[in-house]
Protein backbone atom coordinates (compact mmCIF):
# COMPACT_ATOMS: atom_id res chain seq x y z
CA MET A 1 104.16 -146.21 143.04
CA GLN A 2 101.72 -148.50 140.77
CA LYS A 3 101.70 -146.62 138.75
CA LEU A 4 105.61 -146.29 138.18
CA LYS A 5 105.96 -149.25 138.37
CA SER A 6 103.29 -150.19 136.16
CA LEU A 7 105.24 -148.02 133.55
CA PHE A 8 108.39 -150.04 134.75
CA LEU A 9 107.48 -153.71 133.45
CA LYS A 10 105.49 -151.98 130.21
CA TYR A 11 109.26 -150.10 128.93
CA ARG A 12 111.91 -152.39 130.61
CA GLU A 13 113.85 -153.34 127.76
CA GLN A 14 114.09 -149.90 126.04
CA ILE A 15 114.66 -148.88 130.52
CA ALA A 16 117.71 -151.81 130.65
CA TYR A 17 119.00 -151.23 126.91
CA LEU A 18 119.23 -147.13 128.02
CA PHE A 19 121.35 -147.88 131.42
CA PHE A 20 123.73 -151.03 129.65
CA GLY A 21 123.96 -148.58 126.68
CA GLY A 22 125.13 -146.10 128.98
CA VAL A 23 127.34 -148.68 131.06
CA THR A 24 128.43 -149.58 127.38
CA THR A 25 129.23 -146.14 125.98
CA VAL A 26 130.66 -145.32 129.41
CA VAL A 27 133.87 -148.17 128.77
CA ASN A 28 134.03 -146.59 125.14
CA ILE A 29 134.98 -143.74 125.89
CA ALA A 30 136.43 -144.18 128.92
CA ALA A 31 138.35 -147.08 127.38
CA TYR A 32 139.23 -144.36 124.03
CA ALA A 33 140.51 -141.30 126.35
CA LEU A 34 142.53 -143.60 127.94
CA LEU A 35 144.72 -145.06 125.37
CA SER A 36 144.32 -141.83 123.25
CA ARG A 37 146.27 -140.44 126.14
CA LEU A 38 149.08 -143.30 126.34
CA GLY A 39 150.22 -142.02 122.94
CA LEU A 40 147.79 -144.40 120.78
CA SER A 41 146.66 -143.26 117.14
CA THR A 42 142.70 -141.70 116.82
CA GLY A 43 142.00 -145.40 115.02
CA VAL A 44 144.11 -147.88 117.67
CA ALA A 45 142.54 -145.88 120.32
CA ASN A 46 138.95 -146.12 119.01
CA ALA A 47 139.14 -150.12 117.57
CA ILE A 48 140.31 -151.13 121.46
CA ALA A 49 137.34 -149.02 122.71
CA TRP A 50 135.33 -150.60 120.44
CA ALA A 51 135.99 -154.12 121.17
CA LEU A 52 135.75 -153.56 124.75
CA GLY A 53 132.54 -151.87 124.47
CA VAL A 54 131.42 -154.72 122.15
CA ALA A 55 131.87 -157.72 124.81
CA VAL A 56 130.22 -155.80 127.37
CA ALA A 57 126.92 -155.11 125.03
CA TYR A 58 127.03 -158.43 123.86
CA ILE A 59 126.64 -159.48 127.48
CA SER A 60 124.53 -157.00 128.99
CA ASN A 61 121.89 -156.91 125.87
CA ARG A 62 122.02 -161.37 126.04
CA LEU A 63 121.26 -161.37 129.84
CA TRP A 64 119.26 -158.69 130.59
CA VAL A 65 117.82 -156.65 128.11
CA PHE A 66 117.05 -158.67 125.76
CA GLU A 67 116.61 -161.70 127.99
CA SER A 68 117.96 -164.20 124.86
CA LYS A 69 116.89 -167.99 125.87
CA ALA A 70 119.46 -168.71 122.33
CA ARG A 71 121.90 -171.98 122.99
CA GLY A 72 123.95 -174.09 120.91
CA ALA A 73 123.81 -173.53 117.57
CA ALA A 74 121.81 -170.35 117.73
CA ALA A 75 123.27 -169.06 120.23
CA VAL A 76 126.56 -168.95 117.63
CA LYS A 77 124.41 -167.38 114.83
CA GLU A 78 123.27 -165.06 118.16
CA LEU A 79 126.36 -163.95 118.83
CA VAL A 80 127.49 -163.43 115.15
CA SER A 81 124.74 -161.57 114.17
CA PHE A 82 125.25 -158.92 116.89
CA VAL A 83 129.52 -159.13 115.63
CA ALA A 84 128.46 -158.12 112.30
CA CYS A 85 126.13 -155.85 113.22
CA ARG A 86 128.91 -154.10 116.04
CA LEU A 87 131.18 -154.01 113.26
CA GLY A 88 129.08 -152.14 111.29
CA THR A 89 128.09 -149.14 113.54
CA GLY A 90 131.62 -149.65 114.69
CA LEU A 91 133.17 -149.20 110.95
CA MET A 92 130.87 -146.15 110.88
CA ASP A 93 132.14 -144.78 114.85
CA GLU A 94 135.91 -145.59 113.30
CA ALA A 95 134.87 -143.00 110.13
CA ILE A 96 133.66 -140.46 112.36
CA MET A 97 136.20 -140.45 114.70
CA VAL A 98 138.94 -140.38 112.28
CA LEU A 99 137.19 -137.71 110.18
CA GLY A 100 136.00 -136.04 112.69
CA VAL A 101 139.49 -136.16 115.17
CA ASP A 102 142.19 -136.67 112.56
CA ARG A 103 141.07 -134.59 109.47
CA LEU A 104 138.58 -131.67 110.59
CA GLY A 105 139.76 -131.20 114.18
CA PRO A 106 143.03 -129.78 113.23
CA ILE A 107 140.74 -126.95 111.42
CA VAL A 108 137.70 -126.29 113.86
CA ALA A 109 139.55 -126.97 116.90
CA SER A 110 143.82 -126.52 116.89
CA ASN A 111 144.04 -125.61 120.79
CA HIS A 112 141.37 -127.80 121.76
CA MET A 113 141.73 -131.13 120.51
CA ALA A 114 141.87 -133.40 123.25
CA LEU A 115 138.62 -131.88 124.38
CA TRP A 116 137.38 -132.18 120.61
CA GLY A 117 138.22 -135.41 120.11
CA LEU A 118 135.75 -136.54 123.08
CA GLY A 119 132.50 -134.12 121.77
CA VAL A 120 133.25 -136.01 118.12
CA LYS A 121 133.37 -139.42 120.18
CA VAL A 122 130.77 -138.63 122.02
CA PHE A 123 128.20 -137.15 118.99
CA SER A 124 129.40 -140.83 116.95
CA ASN A 125 127.77 -143.06 120.66
CA ILE A 126 124.58 -141.56 120.10
CA LEU A 127 124.61 -142.26 116.46
CA VAL A 128 125.74 -145.48 116.96
CA ILE A 129 123.80 -146.59 120.57
CA VAL A 130 120.40 -145.92 118.02
CA LEU A 131 121.19 -147.57 114.84
CA ASN A 132 122.39 -150.83 117.37
CA TYR A 133 119.09 -150.75 119.40
CA VAL A 134 117.00 -151.03 115.91
CA PHE A 135 119.90 -153.87 114.50
CA SER A 136 118.94 -155.76 118.24
CA LYS A 137 115.70 -155.75 119.01
CA LEU A 138 114.70 -156.62 114.59
CA PHE A 139 117.31 -158.67 113.89
CA ILE A 140 119.53 -160.28 116.63
CA PHE A 141 117.83 -160.44 119.60
CA ARG A 142 113.99 -160.21 118.27
CA LYS A 143 111.58 -162.97 119.84
CA LYS A 144 110.26 -166.19 118.16
CA GLU A 145 106.87 -167.39 117.94
CA ASN A 146 107.38 -169.19 120.30
CA GLU A 147 108.97 -167.70 123.30
């Protein structure tokens, strides 16, 4: 049991990121699926799902993953950096979704578009999660020398 506790403490940040990344991914995919089913276009459904995911991700990353202590102007800078990085990976996600679902989907999965769309969404989210962790760790929530 002590060995498990030691491993958990050693990798707490990565475990928390994976857990909350999973929560964010579920929110993103569920919102996309619901909005698509309601008849919204791929781009609009994906953009709304992305915005919901970013809100969940920022709160969980700030509070529980990277345990940010930033206040005032530093917190605003952190939020702006977070949103800017997420915009970059969000644009990548949007391109993958529109190309994968709207352009490629009718060619390869015309009889199974809903399933194809969810598969493309999951693939895109895996890429996004990896890039978002790298950006968060290296640029947004990096620990300062005096922390």
